[in-house]
Amino acid sequence: MTIVAQKQEALDLAAQLYPVAQIRVIDDDPSAYEKTLLERRRANR
């Protein structure tokens, strides 16, 4: 599935709908994104 949205909206939606998915953001720093996604997943538990 592909979600096209503002970065913050995409992070929120992906964390809610796909808690175990591997998500990639194009044109972003991978290490910063992974850290943010992990923090969001922990917050949603």
PDB file of N, CA and C in Angstrom:
ATOM      1  N   MET A   1       0.847  -1.174   0.000  1.00  0.00           N
ATOM      2  CA  MET A   1       0.000   0.000   0.000  1.00  0.00           C
ATOM      3  C   MET A   1       0.888   1.231   0.000  1.00  0.00           C
ATOM      4  N   THR A   2       0.477   2.257  -0.714  1.00  0.00           N
ATOM      5  CA  THR A   2       1.206   3.519  -0.741  1.00  0.00           C
ATOM      6  C   THR A   2       0.325   4.608  -0.162  1.00  0.00           C
ATOM      7  N   ILE A   3       0.875   5.357   0.777  1.00  0.00           N
ATOM      8  CA  ILE A   3       0.160   6.483   1.366  1.00  0.00           C
ATOM      9  C   ILE A   3       0.887   7.750   0.945  1.00  0.00           C
ATOM     10  N   VAL A   4       0.159   8.670   0.335  1.00  0.00           N
ATOM     11  CA  VAL A   4       0.737   9.950  -0.056  1.00  0.00           C
ATOM     12  C   VAL A   4       0.112  11.013   0.829  1.00  0.00           C
ATOM     13  N   ALA A   5       0.942  11.655   1.637  1.00  0.00           N
ATOM     14  CA  ALA A   5       0.438  12.654   2.581  1.00  0.00           C
ATOM     15  C   ALA A   5       1.608  13.475   3.075  1.00  0.00           C
ATOM     16  N   GLN A   6       1.307  14.477   3.846  1.00  0.00           N
ATOM     17  CA  GLN A   6       2.368  15.199   4.528  1.00  0.00           C
ATOM     18  C   GLN A   6       3.083  14.200   5.431  1.00  0.00           C
ATOM     19  N   LYS A   7       4.352  14.409   5.665  1.00  0.00           N
ATOM     20  CA  LYS A   7       5.154  13.440   6.412  1.00  0.00           C
ATOM     21  C   LYS A   7       4.541  13.100   7.770  1.00  0.00           C
ATOM     22  N   GLN A   8       4.130  14.095   8.528  1.00  0.00           N
ATOM     23  CA  GLN A   8       3.580  13.838   9.856  1.00  0.00           C
ATOM     24  C   GLN A   8       2.287  13.036   9.768  1.00  0.00           C
ATOM     25  N   GLU A   9       1.424  13.382   8.826  1.00  0.00           N
ATOM     26  CA  GLU A   9       0.177  12.646   8.645  1.00  0.00           C
ATOM     27  C   GLU A   9       0.455  11.197   8.271  1.00  0.00           C
ATOM     28  N   ALA A  10       1.415  10.988   7.398  1.00  0.00           N
ATOM     29  CA  ALA A  10       1.757   9.633   6.978  1.00  0.00           C
ATOM     30  C   ALA A  10       2.305   8.816   8.140  1.00  0.00           C
ATOM     31  N   LEU A  11       3.138   9.419   8.958  1.00  0.00           N
ATOM     32  CA  LEU A  11       3.665   8.718  10.131  1.00  0.00           C
ATOM     33  C   LEU A  11       2.546   8.308  11.072  1.00  0.00           C
ATOM     34  N   ASP A  12       1.639   9.227  11.355  1.00  0.00           N
ATOM     35  CA  ASP A  12       0.532   8.935  12.265  1.00  0.00           C
ATOM     36  C   ASP A  12      -0.346   7.813  11.720  1.00  0.00           C
ATOM     37  N   LEU A  13      -0.716   7.915  10.451  1.00  0.00           N
ATOM     38  CA  LEU A  13      -1.585   6.915   9.851  1.00  0.00           C
ATOM     39  C   LEU A  13      -0.907   5.552   9.792  1.00  0.00           C
ATOM     40  N   ALA A  14       0.337   5.522   9.375  1.00  0.00           N
ATOM     41  CA  ALA A  14       1.058   4.255   9.274  1.00  0.00           C
ATOM     42  C   ALA A  14       1.221   3.596  10.637  1.00  0.00           C
ATOM     43  N   ALA A  15       1.525   4.366  11.658  1.00  0.00           N
ATOM     44  CA  ALA A  15       1.702   3.808  12.999  1.00  0.00           C
ATOM     45  C   ALA A  15       0.399   3.225  13.526  1.00  0.00           C
ATOM     46  N   GLN A  16      -0.721   3.833  13.186  1.00  0.00           N
ATOM     47  CA  GLN A  16      -2.019   3.337  13.648  1.00  0.00           C
ATOM     48  C   GLN A  16      -2.464   2.097  12.885  1.00  0.00           C
ATOM     49  N   LEU A  17      -2.309   2.113  11.562  1.00  0.00           N
ATOM     50  CA  LEU A  17      -2.852   1.041  10.733  1.00  0.00           C
ATOM     51  C   LEU A  17      -1.924  -0.157  10.583  1.00  0.00           C
ATOM     52  N   TYR A  18      -0.631   0.096  10.604  1.00  0.00           N
ATOM     53  CA  TYR A  18       0.325  -0.968  10.312  1.00  0.00           C
ATOM     54  C   TYR A  18       1.422  -1.015  11.368  1.00  0.00           C
ATOM     55  N   PRO A  19       1.097  -1.436  12.590  1.00  0.00           N
ATOM     56  CA  PRO A  19       2.090  -1.390  13.676  1.00  0.00           C
ATOM     57  C   PRO A  19       3.302  -2.293  13.462  1.00  0.00           C
ATOM     58  N   VAL A  20       3.204  -3.292  12.599  1.00  0.00           N
ATOM     59  CA  VAL A  20       4.357  -4.167  12.372  1.00  0.00           C
ATOM     60  C   VAL A  20       4.927  -4.012  10.965  1.00  0.00           C
ATOM     61  N   ALA A  21       4.445  -3.045  10.213  1.00  0.00           N
ATOM     62  CA  ALA A  21       4.909  -2.862   8.835  1.00  0.00           C
ATOM     63  C   ALA A  21       6.279  -2.204   8.799  1.00  0.00           C
ATOM     64  N   GLN A  22       7.003  -2.473   7.732  1.00  0.00           N
ATOM     65  CA  GLN A  22       8.250  -1.762   7.475  1.00  0.00           C
ATOM     66  C   GLN A  22       7.903  -0.633   6.518  1.00  0.00           C
ATOM     67  N   ILE A  23       8.099   0.586   6.958  1.00  0.00           N
ATOM     68  CA  ILE A  23       7.650   1.755   6.208  1.00  0.00           C
ATOM     69  C   ILE A  23       8.856   2.573   5.786  1.00  0.00           C
ATOM     70  N   ARG A  24       8.844   3.035   4.564  1.00  0.00           N
ATOM     71  CA  ARG A  24       9.964   3.811   4.035  1.00  0.00           C
ATOM     72  C   ARG A  24       9.448   5.164   3.552  1.00  0.00           C
ATOM     73  N   VAL A  25      10.177   6.205   3.895  1.00  0.00           N
ATOM     74  CA  VAL A  25       9.856   7.550   3.423  1.00  0.00           C
ATOM     75  C   VAL A  25      10.912   7.935   2.400  1.00  0.00           C
ATOM     76  N   ILE A  26      10.473   8.368   1.235  1.00  0.00           N
ATOM     77  CA  ILE A  26      11.400   8.776   0.179  1.00  0.00           C
ATOM     78  C   ILE A  26      11.908  10.181   0.488  1.00  0.00           C
ATOM     79  N   ASP A  27      13.194  10.414   0.220  1.00  0.00           N
ATOM     80  CA  ASP A  27      13.828  11.717   0.444  1.00  0.00           C
ATOM     81  C   ASP A  27      13.835  12.107   1.912  1.00  0.00           C
ATOM     82  N   ASP A  28      14.171  11.174   2.765  1.00  0.00           N
ATOM     83  CA  ASP A  28      14.245  11.450   4.196  1.00  0.00           C
ATOM     84  C   ASP A  28      15.493  10.768   4.741  1.00  0.00           C
ATOM     85  N   ASP A  29      15.952  11.221   5.881  1.00  0.00           N
ATOM     86  CA  ASP A  29      17.084  10.589   6.556  1.00  0.00           C
ATOM     87  C   ASP A  29      16.577   9.312   7.222  1.00  0.00           C
ATOM     88  N   PRO A  30      16.989   8.139   6.754  1.00  0.00           N
ATOM     89  CA  PRO A  30      16.438   6.883   7.277  1.00  0.00           C
ATOM     90  C   PRO A  30      16.581   6.728   8.785  1.00  0.00           C
ATOM     91  N   SER A  31      17.704   7.087   9.355  1.00  0.00           N
ATOM     92  CA  SER A  31      17.887   6.883  10.794  1.00  0.00           C
ATOM     93  C   SER A  31      16.943   7.763  11.602  1.00  0.00           C
ATOM     94  N   ALA A  32      16.724   8.987  11.175  1.00  0.00           N
ATOM     95  CA  ALA A  32      15.810   9.882  11.891  1.00  0.00           C
ATOM     96  C   ALA A  32      14.382   9.376  11.778  1.00  0.00           C
ATOM     97  N   TYR A  33      14.005   8.893  10.599  1.00  0.00           N
ATOM     98  CA  TYR A  33      12.640   8.399  10.399  1.00  0.00           C
ATOM     99  C   TYR A  33      12.384   7.154  11.232  1.00  0.00           C
ATOM    100  N   GLU A  34      13.322   6.209  11.223  1.00  0.00           N
ATOM    101  CA  GLU A  34      13.138   4.979  11.984  1.00  0.00           C
ATOM    102  C   GLU A  34      12.981   5.276  13.461  1.00  0.00           C
ATOM    103  N   LYS A  35      13.762   6.205  13.981  1.00  0.00           N
ATOM    104  CA  LYS A  35      13.651   6.571  15.386  1.00  0.00           C
ATOM    105  C   LYS A  35      12.267   7.148  15.676  1.00  0.00           C
ATOM    106  N   THR A  36      11.800   8.035  14.815  1.00  0.00           N
ATOM    107  CA  THR A  36      10.485   8.644  15.004  1.00  0.00           C
ATOM    108  C   THR A  36       9.390   7.593  14.951  1.00  0.00           C
ATOM    109  N   LEU A  37       9.470   6.672  13.997  1.00  0.00           N
ATOM    110  CA  LEU A  37       8.449   5.644  13.865  1.00  0.00           C
ATOM    111  C   LEU A  37       8.431   4.738  15.089  1.00  0.00           C
ATOM    112  N   LEU A  38       9.595   4.353  15.587  1.00  0.00           N
ATOM    113  CA  LEU A  38       9.646   3.519  16.784  1.00  0.00           C
ATOM    114  C   LEU A  38       9.032   4.232  17.978  1.00  0.00           C
ATOM    115  N   GLU A  39       9.309   5.524  18.120  1.00  0.00           N
ATOM    116  CA  GLU A  39       8.724   6.288  19.220  1.00  0.00           C
ATOM    117  C   GLU A  39       7.205   6.324  19.100  1.00  0.00           C
ATOM    118  N   ARG A  40       6.687   6.486  17.889  1.00  0.00           N
ATOM    119  CA  ARG A  40       5.235   6.531  17.689  1.00  0.00           C
ATOM    120  C   ARG A  40       4.609   5.182  18.000  1.00  0.00           C
ATOM    121  N   ARG A  41       5.264   4.111  17.597  1.00  0.00           N
ATOM    122  CA  ARG A  41       4.720   2.776  17.873  1.00  0.00           C
ATOM    123  C   ARG A  41       4.645   2.535  19.379  1.00  0.00           C
ATOM    124  N   ARG A  42       5.680   2.936  20.094  1.00  0.00           N
ATOM    125  CA  ARG A  42       5.672   2.758  21.550  1.00  0.00           C
ATOM    126  C   ARG A  42       4.563   3.578  22.193  1.00  0.00           C
ATOM    127  N   ALA A  43       4.340   4.789  21.696  1.00  0.00           N
ATOM    128  CA  ALA A  43       3.316   5.671  22.261  1.00  0.00           C
ATOM    129  C   ALA A  43       1.912   5.129  22.010  1.00  0.00           C
ATOM    130  N   ASN A  44       1.726   4.385  20.925  1.00  0.00           N
ATOM    131  CA  ASN A  44       0.397   3.867  20.579  1.00  0.00           C
ATOM    132  C   ASN A  44       0.056   2.569  21.295  1.00  0.00           C
ATOM    133  N   ARG A  45       0.950   2.020  22.066  1.00  0.00           N
ATOM    134  CA  ARG A  45       0.676   0.749  22.766  1.00  0.00           C
ATOM    135  C   ARG A  45      -0.163   0.967  23.987  1.00  0.00           C
TER     136      ARG A  45
END
